[in-house]
PDB file of N, CA and C in Angstrom:
ATOM      1  N   MET A   1     140.626  42.779  13.172  1.00  0.00           N
ATOM      2  CA  MET A   1     139.272  42.352  13.424  1.00  0.00           C
ATOM      3  C   MET A   1     139.258  40.822  13.385  1.00  0.00           C
ATOM      4  N   THR A   2     138.482  40.230  14.257  1.00  0.00           N
ATOM      5  CA  THR A   2     138.444  38.772  14.373  1.00  0.00           C
ATOM      6  C   THR A   2     137.626  38.148  13.247  1.00  0.00           C
ATOM      7  N   ILE A   3     137.716  36.844  13.132  1.00  0.00           N
ATOM      8  CA  ILE A   3     136.951  36.148  12.105  1.00  0.00           C
ATOM      9  C   ILE A   3     135.450  36.280  12.377  1.00  0.00           C
ATOM     10  N   GLY A   4     135.069  36.305  13.641  1.00  0.00           N
ATOM     11  CA  GLY A   4     133.658  36.489  13.982  1.00  0.00           C
ATOM     12  C   GLY A   4     133.153  37.854  13.561  1.00  0.00           C
ATOM     13  N   GLU A   5     133.972  38.861  13.766  1.00  0.00           N
ATOM     14  CA  GLU A   5     133.579  40.222  13.384  1.00  0.00           C
ATOM     15  C   GLU A   5     133.459  40.365  11.870  1.00  0.00           C
ATOM     16  N   ILE A   6     134.420  39.796  11.142  1.00  0.00           N
ATOM     17  CA  ILE A   6     134.365  39.912   9.679  1.00  0.00           C
ATOM     18  C   ILE A   6     133.222  39.065   9.126  1.00  0.00           C
ATOM     19  N   ALA A   7     132.936  37.943   9.778  1.00  0.00           N
ATOM     20  CA  ALA A   7     131.804  37.116   9.356  1.00  0.00           C
ATOM     21  C   ALA A   7     130.514  37.916   9.469  1.00  0.00           C
ATOM     22  N   GLU A   8     130.387  38.642  10.548  1.00  0.00           N
ATOM     23  CA  GLU A   8     129.191  39.459  10.764  1.00  0.00           C
ATOM     24  C   GLU A   8     129.103  40.582   9.732  1.00  0.00           C
ATOM     25  N   LYS A   9     130.222  41.230   9.448  1.00  0.00           N
ATOM     26  CA  LYS A   9     130.227  42.367   8.519  1.00  0.00           C
ATOM     27  C   LYS A   9     130.033  41.947   7.067  1.00  0.00           C
ATOM     28  N   THR A  10     130.436  40.729   6.731  1.00  0.00           N
ATOM     29  CA  THR A  10     130.302  40.261   5.343  1.00  0.00           C
ATOM     30  C   THR A  10     129.094  39.349   5.163  1.00  0.00           C
ATOM     31  N   ASN A  11     128.455  39.009   6.283  1.00  0.00           N
ATOM     32  CA  ASN A  11     127.295  38.105   6.256  1.00  0.00           C
ATOM     33  C   ASN A  11     127.655  36.738   5.669  1.00  0.00           C
ATOM     34  N   LEU A  12     128.839  36.268   6.018  1.00  0.00           N
ATOM     35  CA  LEU A  12     129.302  34.938   5.603  1.00  0.00           C
ATOM     36  C   LEU A  12     129.684  34.155   6.842  1.00  0.00           C
ATOM     37  N   PRO A  13     129.443  32.849   6.826  1.00  0.00           N
ATOM     38  CA  PRO A  13     129.867  32.050   7.978  1.00  0.00           C
ATOM     39  C   PRO A  13     131.393  31.962   8.083  1.00  0.00           C
ATOM     40  N   GLU A  14     131.847  31.755   9.300  1.00  0.00           N
ATOM     41  CA  GLU A  14     133.289  31.639   9.527  1.00  0.00           C
ATOM     42  C   GLU A  14     133.888  30.509   8.700  1.00  0.00           C
ATOM     43  N   SER A  15     133.143  29.429   8.538  1.00  0.00           N
ATOM     44  CA  SER A  15     133.654  28.293   7.755  1.00  0.00           C
ATOM     45  C   SER A  15     133.936  28.703   6.311  1.00  0.00           C
ATOM     46  N   THR A  16     133.098  29.566   5.754  1.00  0.00           N
ATOM     47  CA  THR A  16     133.328  30.040   4.381  1.00  0.00           C
ATOM     48  C   THR A  16     134.587  30.893   4.321  1.00  0.00           C
ATOM     49  N   LEU A  17     134.772  31.743   5.317  1.00  0.00           N
ATOM     50  CA  LEU A  17     135.975  32.580   5.347  1.00  0.00           C
ATOM     51  C   LEU A  17     137.234  31.736   5.467  1.00  0.00           C
ATOM     52  N   ARG A  18     137.168  30.690   6.289  1.00  0.00           N
ATOM     53  CA  ARG A  18     138.325  29.781   6.398  1.00  0.00           C
ATOM     54  C   ARG A  18     138.587  29.079   5.070  1.00  0.00           C
ATOM     55  N   TYR A  19     137.504  28.676   4.395  1.00  0.00           N
ATOM     56  CA  TYR A  19     137.630  28.020   3.096  1.00  0.00           C
ATOM     57  C   TYR A  19     138.268  28.973   2.081  1.00  0.00           C
ATOM     58  N   TYR A  20     137.797  30.221   2.054  1.00  0.00           N
ATOM     59  CA  TYR A  20     138.385  31.213   1.148  1.00  0.00           C
ATOM     60  C   TYR A  20     139.876  31.360   1.409  1.00  0.00           C
ATOM     61  N   GLU A  21     140.241  31.363   2.678  1.00  0.00           N
ATOM     62  CA  GLU A  21     141.653  31.495   3.028  1.00  0.00           C
ATOM     63  C   GLU A  21     142.431  30.257   2.569  1.00  0.00           C
ATOM     64  N   LYS A  22     141.863  29.092   2.795  1.00  0.00           N
ATOM     65  CA  LYS A  22     142.521  27.840   2.401  1.00  0.00           C
ATOM     66  C   LYS A  22     142.743  27.785   0.887  1.00  0.00           C
ATOM     67  N   LYS A  23     141.764  28.295   0.116  1.00  0.00           N
ATOM     68  CA  LYS A  23     141.870  28.296  -1.346  1.00  0.00           C
ATOM     69  C   LYS A  23     142.738  29.440  -1.870  1.00  0.00           C
ATOM     70  N   GLY A  24     143.192  30.315  -0.972  1.00  0.00           N
ATOM     71  CA  GLY A  24     144.051  31.417  -1.378  1.00  0.00           C
ATOM     72  C   GLY A  24     143.293  32.625  -1.893  1.00  0.00           C
ATOM     73  N   LEU A  25     141.987  32.652  -1.697  1.00  0.00           N
ATOM     74  CA  LEU A  25     141.196  33.786  -2.172  1.00  0.00           C
ATOM     75  C   LEU A  25     141.427  35.023  -1.320  1.00  0.00           C
ATOM     76  N   ILE A  26     141.674  34.793  -0.038  1.00  0.00           N
ATOM     77  CA  ILE A  26     142.000  35.899   0.862  1.00  0.00           C
ATOM     78  C   ILE A  26     143.254  35.530   1.644  1.00  0.00           C
ATOM     79  N   LYS A  27     144.044  36.534   1.907  1.00  0.00           N
ATOM     80  CA  LYS A  27     145.259  36.342   2.713  1.00  0.00           C
ATOM     81  C   LYS A  27     145.065  37.139   3.990  1.00  0.00           C
ATOM     82  N   VAL A  28     145.155  36.454   5.097  1.00  0.00           N
ATOM     83  CA  VAL A  28     144.874  37.071   6.388  1.00  0.00           C
ATOM     84  C   VAL A  28     146.129  37.054   7.240  1.00  0.00           C
ATOM     85  N   VAL A  29     146.414  38.201   7.830  1.00  0.00           N
ATOM     86  CA  VAL A  29     147.547  38.292   8.757  1.00  0.00           C
ATOM     87  C   VAL A  29     147.132  37.630  10.070  1.00  0.00           C
ATOM     88  N   ARG A  30     148.094  37.137  10.780  1.00  0.00           N
ATOM     89  CA  ARG A  30     147.845  36.522  12.090  1.00  0.00           C
ATOM     90  C   ARG A  30     148.475  37.392  13.166  1.00  0.00           C
ATOM     91  N   ASP A  31     147.809  37.434  14.314  1.00  0.00           N
ATOM     92  CA  ASP A  31     148.372  38.193  15.433  1.00  0.00           C
ATOM     93  C   ASP A  31     149.427  37.352  16.148  1.00  0.00           C
ATOM     94  N   GLY A  32     149.962  37.847  17.233  1.00  0.00           N
ATOM     95  CA  GLY A  32     151.019  37.159  17.974  1.00  0.00           C
ATOM     96  C   GLY A  32     150.599  35.800  18.498  1.00  0.00           C
ATOM     97  N   ASN A  33     149.308  35.591  18.681  1.00  0.00           N
ATOM     98  CA  ASN A  33     148.800  34.309  19.168  1.00  0.00           C
ATOM     99  C   ASN A  33     148.334  33.388  18.037  1.00  0.00           C
ATOM    100  N   GLY A  34     148.581  33.808  16.799  1.00  0.00           N
ATOM    101  CA  GLY A  34     148.211  32.976  15.654  1.00  0.00           C
ATOM    102  C   GLY A  34     146.762  33.128  15.218  1.00  0.00           C
ATOM    103  N   ARG A  35     146.034  34.062  15.817  1.00  0.00           N
ATOM    104  CA  ARG A  35     144.633  34.277  15.428  1.00  0.00           C
ATOM    105  C   ARG A  35     144.565  35.187  14.211  1.00  0.00           C
ATOM    106  N   ARG A  36     143.567  34.915  13.380  1.00  0.00           N
ATOM    107  CA  ARG A  36     143.366  35.748  12.196  1.00  0.00           C
ATOM    108  C   ARG A  36     143.069  37.180  12.628  1.00  0.00           C
ATOM    109  N   ASP A  37     143.664  38.116  11.887  1.00  0.00           N
ATOM    110  CA  ASP A  37     143.462  39.536  12.177  1.00  0.00           C
ATOM    111  C   ASP A  37     143.111  40.233  10.856  1.00  0.00           C
ATOM    112  N   TYR A  38     141.824  40.289  10.575  1.00  0.00           N
ATOM    113  CA  TYR A  38     141.346  40.882   9.333  1.00  0.00           C
ATOM    114  C   TYR A  38     141.449  42.396   9.386  1.00  0.00           C
ATOM    115  N   GLU A  39     141.632  42.967   8.202  1.00  0.00           N
ATOM    116  CA  GLU A  39     141.699  44.417   8.083  1.00  0.00           C
ATOM    117  C   GLU A  39     140.397  44.927   7.473  1.00  0.00           C
ATOM    118  N   GLU A  40     140.142  46.194   7.645  1.00  0.00           N
ATOM    119  CA  GLU A  40     138.930  46.813   7.108  1.00  0.00           C
ATOM    120  C   GLU A  40     138.834  46.603   5.599  1.00  0.00           C
ATOM    121  N   SER A  41     139.972  46.668   4.914  1.00  0.00           N
ATOM    122  CA  SER A  41     139.987  46.514   3.452  1.00  0.00           C
ATOM    123  C   SER A  41     139.565  45.110   3.009  1.00  0.00           C
ATOM    124  N   ASP A  42     139.671  44.132   3.909  1.00  0.00           N
ATOM    125  CA  ASP A  42     139.259  42.763   3.567  1.00  0.00           C
ATOM    126  C   ASP A  42     137.752  42.665   3.344  1.00  0.00           C
ATOM    127  N   ILE A  43     136.992  43.538   3.974  1.00  0.00           N
ATOM    128  CA  ILE A  43     135.528  43.465   3.877  1.00  0.00           C
ATOM    129  C   ILE A  43     135.069  43.602   2.428  1.00  0.00           C
ATOM    130  N   GLU A  44     135.504  44.653   1.751  1.00  0.00           N
ATOM    131  CA  GLU A  44     135.067  44.865   0.366  1.00  0.00           C
ATOM    132  C   GLU A  44     135.590  43.775  -0.558  1.00  0.00           C
ATOM    133  N   TRP A  45     136.794  43.289  -0.310  1.00  0.00           N
ATOM    134  CA  TRP A  45     137.350  42.214  -1.135  1.00  0.00           C
ATOM    135  C   TRP A  45     136.510  40.945  -0.977  1.00  0.00           C
ATOM    136  N   ILE A  46     136.149  40.616   0.238  1.00  0.00           N
ATOM    137  CA  ILE A  46     135.333  39.422   0.485  1.00  0.00           C
ATOM    138  C   ILE A  46     133.953  39.583  -0.152  1.00  0.00           C
ATOM    139  N   LYS A  47     133.389  40.763  -0.048  1.00  0.00           N
ATOM    140  CA  LYS A  47     132.084  41.016  -0.680  1.00  0.00           C
ATOM    141  C   LYS A  47     132.189  40.889  -2.195  1.00  0.00           C
ATOM    142  N   PHE A  48     133.314  41.321  -2.761  1.00  0.00           N
ATOM    143  CA  PHE A  48     133.513  41.206  -4.202  1.00  0.00           C
ATOM    144  C   PHE A  48     133.623  39.741  -4.618  1.00  0.00           C
ATOM    145  N   ILE A  49     134.353  38.958  -3.846  1.00  0.00           N
ATOM    146  CA  ILE A  49     134.453  37.516  -4.126  1.00  0.00           C
ATOM    147  C   ILE A  49     133.053  36.907  -4.145  1.00  0.00           C
ATOM    148  N   ARG A  50     132.269  37.283  -3.171  1.00  0.00           N
ATOM    149  CA  ARG A  50     130.898  36.758  -3.083  1.00  0.00           C
ATOM    150  C   ARG A  50     130.081  37.142  -4.320  1.00  0.00           C
ATOM    151  N   ARG A  51     130.207  38.376  -4.765  1.00  0.00           N
ATOM    152  CA  ARG A  51     129.473  38.807  -5.964  1.00  0.00           C
ATOM    153  C   ARG A  51     129.936  38.028  -7.194  1.00  0.00           C
ATOM    154  N   LEU A  52     131.231  37.780  -7.301  1.00  0.00           N
ATOM    155  CA  LEU A  52     131.718  36.987  -8.427  1.00  0.00           C
ATOM    156  C   LEU A  52     131.096  35.595  -8.403  1.00  0.00           C
ATOM    157  N   LYS A  53     131.062  34.992  -7.226  1.00  0.00           N
ATOM    158  CA  LYS A  53     130.455  33.658  -7.094  1.00  0.00           C
ATOM    159  C   LYS A  53     128.968  33.701  -7.447  1.00  0.00           C
ATOM    160  N   GLU A  54     128.276  34.719  -6.948  1.00  0.00           N
ATOM    161  CA  GLU A  54     126.834  34.827  -7.191  1.00  0.00           C
ATOM    162  C   GLU A  54     126.516  35.058  -8.661  1.00  0.00           C
ATOM    163  N   THR A  55     127.450  35.625  -9.406  1.00  0.00           N
ATOM    164  CA  THR A  55     127.215  35.830 -10.835  1.00  0.00           C
ATOM    165  C   THR A  55     127.708  34.649 -11.665  1.00  0.00           C
ATOM    166  N   GLY A  56     128.141  33.600 -10.988  1.00  0.00           N
ATOM    167  CA  GLY A  56     128.478  32.371 -11.699  1.00  0.00           C
ATOM    168  C   GLY A  56     129.928  32.206 -12.089  1.00  0.00           C
ATOM    169  N   MET A  57     130.814  33.046 -11.576  1.00  0.00           N
ATOM    170  CA  MET A  57     132.225  32.858 -11.916  1.00  0.00           C
ATOM    171  C   MET A  57     132.721  31.570 -11.270  1.00  0.00           C
ATOM    172  N   LEU A  58     133.462  30.811 -12.032  1.00  0.00           N
ATOM    173  CA  LEU A  58     134.001  29.548 -11.537  1.00  0.00           C
ATOM    174  C   LEU A  58     135.061  29.811 -10.472  1.00  0.00           C
ATOM    175  N   LEU A  59     135.150  28.924  -9.514  1.00  0.00           N
ATOM    176  CA  LEU A  59     136.108  29.070  -8.423  1.00  0.00           C
ATOM    177  C   LEU A  59     137.541  29.166  -8.949  1.00  0.00           C
ATOM    178  N   LYS A  60     137.868  28.393  -9.963  1.00  0.00           N
ATOM    179  CA  LYS A  60     139.228  28.443 -10.512  1.00  0.00           C
ATOM    180  C   LYS A  60     139.533  29.830 -11.077  1.00  0.00           C
ATOM    181  N   ASP A  61     138.542  30.497 -11.641  1.00  0.00           N
ATOM    182  CA  ASP A  61     138.747  31.839 -12.173  1.00  0.00           C
ATOM    183  C   ASP A  61     138.859  32.869 -11.051  1.00  0.00           C
ATOM    184  N   ILE A  62     138.092  32.671  -9.997  1.00  0.00           N
ATOM    185  CA  ILE A  62     138.201  33.560  -8.839  1.00  0.00           C
ATOM    186  C   ILE A  62     139.576  33.385  -8.194  1.00  0.00           C
ATOM    187  N   GLU A  63     140.048  32.142  -8.122  1.00  0.00           N
ATOM    188  CA  GLU A  63     141.376  31.886  -7.567  1.00  0.00           C
ATOM    189  C   GLU A  63     142.452  32.591  -8.387  1.00  0.00           C
ATOM    190  N   LEU A  64     142.349  32.501  -9.707  1.00  0.00           N
ATOM    191  CA  LEU A  64     143.314  33.173 -10.575  1.00  0.00           C
ATOM    192  C   LEU A  64     143.252  34.679 -10.365  1.00  0.00           C
ATOM    193  N   TYR A  65     142.063  35.224 -10.357  1.00  0.00           N
ATOM    194  CA  TYR A  65     141.886  36.659 -10.147  1.00  0.00           C
ATOM    195  C   TYR A  65     142.520  37.073  -8.818  1.00  0.00           C
ATOM    196  N   SER A  66     142.273  36.286  -7.782  1.00  0.00           N
ATOM    197  CA  SER A  66     142.800  36.596  -6.457  1.00  0.00           C
ATOM    198  C   SER A  66     144.328  36.565  -6.444  1.00  0.00           C
ATOM    199  N   ARG A  67     144.914  35.537  -7.047  1.00  0.00           N
ATOM    200  CA  ARG A  67     146.383  35.461  -7.108  1.00  0.00           C
ATOM    201  C   ARG A  67     146.949  36.698  -7.792  1.00  0.00           C
ATOM    202  N   LEU A  68     146.312  37.092  -8.893  1.00  0.00           N
ATOM    203  CA  LEU A  68     146.774  38.272  -9.619  1.00  0.00           C
ATOM    204  C   LEU A  68     146.623  39.530  -8.768  1.00  0.00           C
ATOM    205  N   ARG A  69     145.488  39.635  -8.071  1.00  0.00           N
ATOM    206  CA  ARG A  69     145.232  40.809  -7.223  1.00  0.00           C
ATOM    207  C   ARG A  69     146.324  40.957  -6.170  1.00  0.00           C
ATOM    208  N   TYR A  70     146.688  39.844  -5.537  1.00  0.00           N
ATOM    209  CA  TYR A  70     147.701  39.906  -4.485  1.00  0.00           C
ATOM    210  C   TYR A  70     149.103  40.179  -5.033  1.00  0.00           C
ATOM    211  N   ARG A  71     149.289  39.989  -6.334  1.00  0.00           N
ATOM    212  CA  ARG A  71     150.596  40.305  -6.932  1.00  0.00           C
ATOM    213  C   ARG A  71     150.740  41.797  -7.203  1.00  0.00           C
ATOM    214  N   GLY A  72     149.643  42.540  -7.193  1.00  0.00           N
ATOM    215  CA  GLY A  72     149.737  43.993  -7.314  1.00  0.00           C
ATOM    216  C   GLY A  72     149.207  44.576  -8.601  1.00  0.00           C
ATOM    217  N   SER A  73     149.407  45.876  -8.726  1.00  0.00           N
ATOM    218  CA  SER A  73     148.809  46.632  -9.831  1.00  0.00           C
ATOM    219  C   SER A  73     149.356  46.239 -11.201  1.00  0.00           C
ATOM    220  N   SER A  74     150.513  45.620 -11.244  1.00  0.00           N
ATOM    221  CA  SER A  74     151.062  45.215 -12.550  1.00  0.00           C
ATOM    222  C   SER A  74     150.184  44.156 -13.226  1.00  0.00           C
ATOM    223  N   THR A  75     149.299  43.530 -12.466  1.00  0.00           N
ATOM    224  CA  THR A  75     148.427  42.487 -13.023  1.00  0.00           C
ATOM    225  C   THR A  75     147.057  43.029 -13.429  1.00  0.00           C
ATOM    226  N   MET A  76     146.889  44.338 -13.364  1.00  0.00           N
ATOM    227  CA  MET A  76     145.593  44.924 -13.718  1.00  0.00           C
ATOM    228  C   MET A  76     145.101  44.542 -15.116  1.00  0.00           C
ATOM    229  N   PRO A  77     145.965  44.526 -16.128  1.00  0.00           N
ATOM    230  CA  PRO A  77     145.473  44.132 -17.461  1.00  0.00           C
ATOM    231  C   PRO A  77     144.885  42.717 -17.482  1.00  0.00           C
ATOM    232  N   GLU A  78     145.528  41.790 -16.790  1.00  0.00           N
ATOM    233  CA  GLU A  78     145.002  40.420 -16.746  1.00  0.00           C
ATOM    234  C   GLU A  78     143.682  40.354 -15.980  1.00  0.00           C
ATOM    235  N   ARG A  79     143.599  41.093 -14.893  1.00  0.00           N
ATOM    236  CA  ARG A  79     142.362  41.105 -14.109  1.00  0.00           C
ATOM    237  C   ARG A  79     141.230  41.738 -14.904  1.00  0.00           C
ATOM    238  N   LEU A  80     141.547  42.787 -15.629  1.00  0.00           N
ATOM    239  CA  LEU A  80     140.552  43.423 -16.484  1.00  0.00           C
ATOM    240  C   LEU A  80     140.014  42.428 -17.500  1.00  0.00           C
ATOM    241  N   GLU A  81     140.909  41.668 -18.103  1.00  0.00           N
ATOM    242  CA  GLU A  81     140.504  40.672 -19.103  1.00  0.00           C
ATOM    243  C   GLU A  81     139.585  39.617 -18.482  1.00  0.00           C
ATOM    244  N   ILE A  82     139.915  39.171 -17.293  1.00  0.00           N
ATOM    245  CA  ILE A  82     139.075  38.184 -16.607  1.00  0.00           C
ATOM    246  C   ILE A  82     137.678  38.752 -16.380  1.00  0.00           C
ATOM    247  N   LEU A  83     137.619  39.996 -15.908  1.00  0.00           N
ATOM    248  CA  LEU A  83     136.314  40.610 -15.637  1.00  0.00           C
ATOM    249  C   LEU A  83     135.531  40.862 -16.919  1.00  0.00           C
ATOM    250  N   GLN A  84     136.217  41.235 -17.977  1.00  0.00           N
ATOM    251  CA  GLN A  84     135.525  41.452 -19.252  1.00  0.00           C
ATOM    252  C   GLN A  84     134.947  40.145 -19.794  1.00  0.00           C
ATOM    253  N   GLU A  85     135.705  39.069 -19.678  1.00  0.00           N
ATOM    254  CA  GLU A  85     135.190  37.768 -20.106  1.00  0.00           C
ATOM    255  C   GLU A  85     133.992  37.346 -19.253  1.00  0.00           C
ATOM    256  N   HIS A  86     134.098  37.573 -17.967  1.00  0.00           N
ATOM    257  CA  HIS A  86     132.995  37.201 -17.078  1.00  0.00           C
ATOM    258  C   HIS A  86     131.767  38.062 -17.366  1.00  0.00           C
ATOM    259  N   ARG A  87     131.985  39.301 -17.715  1.00  0.00           N
ATOM    260  CA  ARG A  87     130.869  40.185 -18.060  1.00  0.00           C
ATOM    261  C   ARG A  87     130.092  39.622 -19.252  1.00  0.00           C
ATOM    262  N   LYS A  88     130.818  39.102 -20.244  1.00  0.00           N
ATOM    263  CA  LYS A  88     130.162  38.477 -21.401  1.00  0.00           C
ATOM    264  C   LYS A  88     129.300  37.299 -20.940  1.00  0.00           C
ATOM    265  N   TYR A  89     129.851  36.498 -20.046  1.00  0.00           N
ATOM    266  CA  TYR A  89     129.106  35.355 -19.506  1.00  0.00           C
ATOM    267  C   TYR A  89     127.830  35.830 -18.805  1.00  0.00           C
ATOM    268  N   VAL A  90     127.953  36.870 -17.974  1.00  0.00           N
ATOM    269  CA  VAL A  90     126.794  37.390 -17.241  1.00  0.00           C
ATOM    270  C   VAL A  90     125.744  37.907 -18.214  1.00  0.00           C
ATOM    271  N   LEU A  91     126.173  38.607 -19.258  1.00  0.00           N
ATOM    272  CA  LEU A  91     125.223  39.099 -20.253  1.00  0.00           C
ATOM    273  C   LEU A  91     124.522  37.951 -20.969  1.00  0.00           C
ATOM    274  N   ASP A  92     125.266  36.895 -21.287  1.00  0.00           N
ATOM    275  CA  ASP A  92     124.651  35.702 -21.905  1.00  0.00           C
ATOM    276  C   ASP A  92     123.602  35.099 -20.973  1.00  0.00           C
ATOM    277  N   GLN A  93     123.946  34.998 -19.701  1.00  0.00           N
ATOM    278  CA  GLN A  93     122.997  34.456 -18.724  1.00  0.00           C
ATOM    279  C   GLN A  93     121.769  35.350 -18.602  1.00  0.00           C
ATOM    280  N   GLN A  94     122.006  36.639 -18.611  1.00  0.00           N
ATOM    281  CA  GLN A  94     120.908  37.596 -18.516  1.00  0.00           C
ATOM    282  C   GLN A  94     119.952  37.424 -19.703  1.00  0.00           C
ATOM    283  N   MET A  95     120.504  37.237 -20.886  1.00  0.00           N
ATOM    284  CA  MET A  95     119.662  37.039 -22.071  1.00  0.00           C
ATOM    285  C   MET A  95     118.862  35.747 -21.953  1.00  0.00           C
ATOM    286  N   LYS A  96     119.506  34.679 -21.463  1.00  0.00           N
ATOM    287  CA  LYS A  96     118.793  33.416 -21.265  1.00  0.00           C
ATOM    288  C   LYS A  96     117.652  33.593 -20.284  1.00  0.00           C
ATOM    289  N   TRP A  97     117.930  34.263 -19.152  1.00  0.00           N
ATOM    290  CA  TRP A  97     116.897  34.451 -18.134  1.00  0.00           C
ATOM    291  C   TRP A  97     115.761  35.332 -18.645  1.00  0.00           C
ATOM    292  N   ALA A  98     116.084  36.316 -19.485  1.00  0.00           N
ATOM    293  CA  ALA A  98     115.033  37.146 -20.079  1.00  0.00           C
ATOM    294  C   ALA A  98     114.133  36.285 -20.964  1.00  0.00           C
ATOM    295  N   GLU A  99     114.744  35.364 -21.703  1.00  0.00           N
ATOM    296  CA  GLU A  99     113.969  34.439 -22.539  1.00  0.00           C
ATOM    297  C   GLU A  99     113.125  33.501 -21.671  1.00  0.00           C
ATOM    298  N   TYR A 100     113.702  32.980 -20.603  1.00  0.00           N
ATOM    299  CA  TYR A 100     112.945  32.114 -19.692  1.00  0.00           C
ATOM    300  C   TYR A 100     111.761  32.862 -19.091  1.00  0.00           C
ATOM    301  N   LEU A 101     111.995  34.112 -18.708  1.00  0.00           N
ATOM    302  CA  LEU A 101     110.937  34.916 -18.121  1.00  0.00           C
ATOM    303  C   LEU A 101     109.833  35.166 -19.140  1.00  0.00           C
ATOM    304  N   GLN A 102     110.211  35.439 -20.381  1.00  0.00           N
ATOM    305  CA  GLN A 102     109.214  35.650 -21.436  1.00  0.00           C
ATOM    306  C   GLN A 102     108.396  34.380 -21.656  1.00  0.00           C
ATOM    307  N   ASN A 103     109.052  33.225 -21.628  1.00  0.00           N
ATOM    308  CA  ASN A 103     108.326  31.963 -21.783  1.00  0.00           C
ATOM    309  C   ASN A 103     107.323  31.768 -20.649  1.00  0.00           C
ATOM    310  N   LEU A 104     107.747  32.089 -19.429  1.00  0.00           N
ATOM    311  CA  LEU A 104     106.824  31.985 -18.290  1.00  0.00           C
ATOM    312  C   LEU A 104     105.656  32.949 -18.441  1.00  0.00           C
ATOM    313  N   ASP A 105     105.950  34.182 -18.825  1.00  0.00           N
ATOM    314  CA  ASP A 105     104.887  35.169 -19.014  1.00  0.00           C
ATOM    315  C   ASP A 105     103.912  34.733 -20.097  1.00  0.00           C
ATOM    316  N   ASP A 106     104.441  34.157 -21.178  1.00  0.00           N
ATOM    317  CA  ASP A 106     103.567  33.657 -22.247  1.00  0.00           C
ATOM    318  C   ASP A 106     102.648  32.551 -21.726  1.00  0.00           C
ATOM    319  N   LYS A 107     103.211  31.636 -20.951  1.00  0.00           N
ATOM    320  CA  LYS A 107     102.409  30.531 -20.417  1.00  0.00           C
ATOM    321  C   LYS A 107     101.364  31.046 -19.426  1.00  0.00           C
ATOM    322  N   ILE A 108     101.761  31.989 -18.589  1.00  0.00           N
ATOM    323  CA  ILE A 108     100.813  32.587 -17.642  1.00  0.00           C
ATOM    324  C   ILE A 108      99.682  33.269 -18.403  1.00  0.00           C
ATOM    325  N   GLY A 109     100.033  34.004 -19.450  1.00  0.00           N
ATOM    326  CA  GLY A 109      99.019  34.657 -20.281  1.00  0.00           C
ATOM    327  C   GLY A 109      98.081  33.646 -20.916  1.00  0.00           C
ATOM    328  N   PHE A 110      98.629  32.540 -21.403  1.00  0.00           N
ATOM    329  CA  PHE A 110      97.812  31.482 -21.999  1.00  0.00           C
ATOM    330  C   PHE A 110      96.799  30.960 -20.990  1.00  0.00           C
ATOM    331  N   TYR A 111      97.256  30.650 -19.776  1.00  0.00           N
ATOM    332  CA  TYR A 111      96.361  30.125 -18.755  1.00  0.00           C
ATOM    333  C   TYR A 111      95.290  31.134 -18.362  1.00  0.00           C
ATOM    334  N   LYS A 112      95.672  32.393 -18.218  1.00  0.00           N
ATOM    335  CA  LYS A 112      94.698  33.419 -17.858  1.00  0.00           C
ATOM    336  C   LYS A 112      93.603  33.522 -18.913  1.00  0.00           C
ATOM    337  N   GLN A 113      94.022  33.513 -20.186  1.00  0.00           N
ATOM    338  CA  GLN A 113      93.037  33.587 -21.265  1.00  0.00           C
ATOM    339  C   GLN A 113      92.150  32.345 -21.291  1.00  0.00           C
ATOM    340  N   ALA A 114      92.757  31.175 -21.129  1.00  0.00           N
ATOM    341  CA  ALA A 114      91.989  29.927 -21.151  1.00  0.00           C
ATOM    342  C   ALA A 114      90.983  29.898 -20.006  1.00  0.00           C
ATOM    343  N   ILE A 115      91.392  30.317 -18.837  1.00  0.00           N
ATOM    344  CA  ILE A 115      90.497  30.341 -17.672  1.00  0.00           C
ATOM    345  C   ILE A 115      89.359  31.329 -17.910  1.00  0.00           C
ATOM    346  N   GLU A 116      89.682  32.481 -18.455  1.00  0.00           N
ATOM    347  CA  GLU A 116      88.664  33.493 -18.734  1.00  0.00           C
ATOM    348  C   GLU A 116      87.663  32.977 -19.772  1.00  0.00           C
ATOM    349  N   ARG A 117      88.158  32.308 -20.810  1.00  0.00           N
ATOM    350  CA  ARG A 117      87.254  31.743 -21.838  1.00  0.00           C
ATOM    351  C   ARG A 117      86.320  30.711 -21.222  1.00  0.00           C
ATOM    352  N   GLU A 118      86.857  29.872 -20.314  1.00  0.00           N
ATOM    353  CA  GLU A 118      86.028  28.856 -19.667  1.00  0.00           C
ATOM    354  C   GLU A 118      84.950  29.507 -18.808  1.00  0.00           C
ATOM    355  N   LYS A 119      85.298  30.573 -18.107  1.00  0.00           N
ATOM    356  CA  LYS A 119      84.319  31.293 -17.289  1.00  0.00           C
ATOM    357  C   LYS A 119      83.204  31.863 -18.165  1.00  0.00           C
ATOM    358  N   GLU A 120      83.608  32.468 -19.290  1.00  0.00           N
ATOM    359  CA  GLU A 120      82.632  33.060 -20.187  1.00  0.00           C
ATOM    360  C   GLU A 120      81.743  31.991 -20.815  1.00  0.00           C
ATOM    361  N   ALA A 121      82.308  30.816 -21.132  1.00  0.00           N
ATOM    362  CA  ALA A 121      81.526  29.745 -21.760  1.00  0.00           C
ATOM    363  C   ALA A 121      80.497  29.189 -20.801  1.00  0.00           C
ATOM    364  N   LYS A 122      80.739  29.235 -19.508  1.00  0.00           N
ATOM    365  CA  LYS A 122      79.817  28.704 -18.501  1.00  0.00           C
ATOM    366  C   LYS A 122      78.667  29.673 -18.243  1.00  0.00           C
ATOM    367  N   MET A 123      78.805  30.901 -18.650  1.00  0.00           N
ATOM    368  CA  MET A 123      77.753  31.887 -18.384  1.00  0.00           C
ATOM    369  C   MET A 123      76.638  31.809 -19.349  1.00  0.00           C
TER     370      MET A 123
END
């Protein structure tokens, strides 16, 4: 599959896919003319990389994970450890965001009450 086709299937620009390849996050076979020839299995891997990025994993950690992945199943324990550590980070972020959301809700509640009191005082 061409880079354009995989870009469409992963909803990522071609430039991002080239960057991922340059950083070693994905390894792409080339056809006889030197064009990238993506495989169906690359789609889920690219989507997984994207999810790691979206959850805040550092690029250096994604690079390490990717290198280990391409070395094969013998690296599963190390990859598991990376994901477990990242899971802790995501949970910490989730707790922070829950606190931020509660602070916003408290402030919204304060304003609603203050506005309602002002309306009642004018009556």
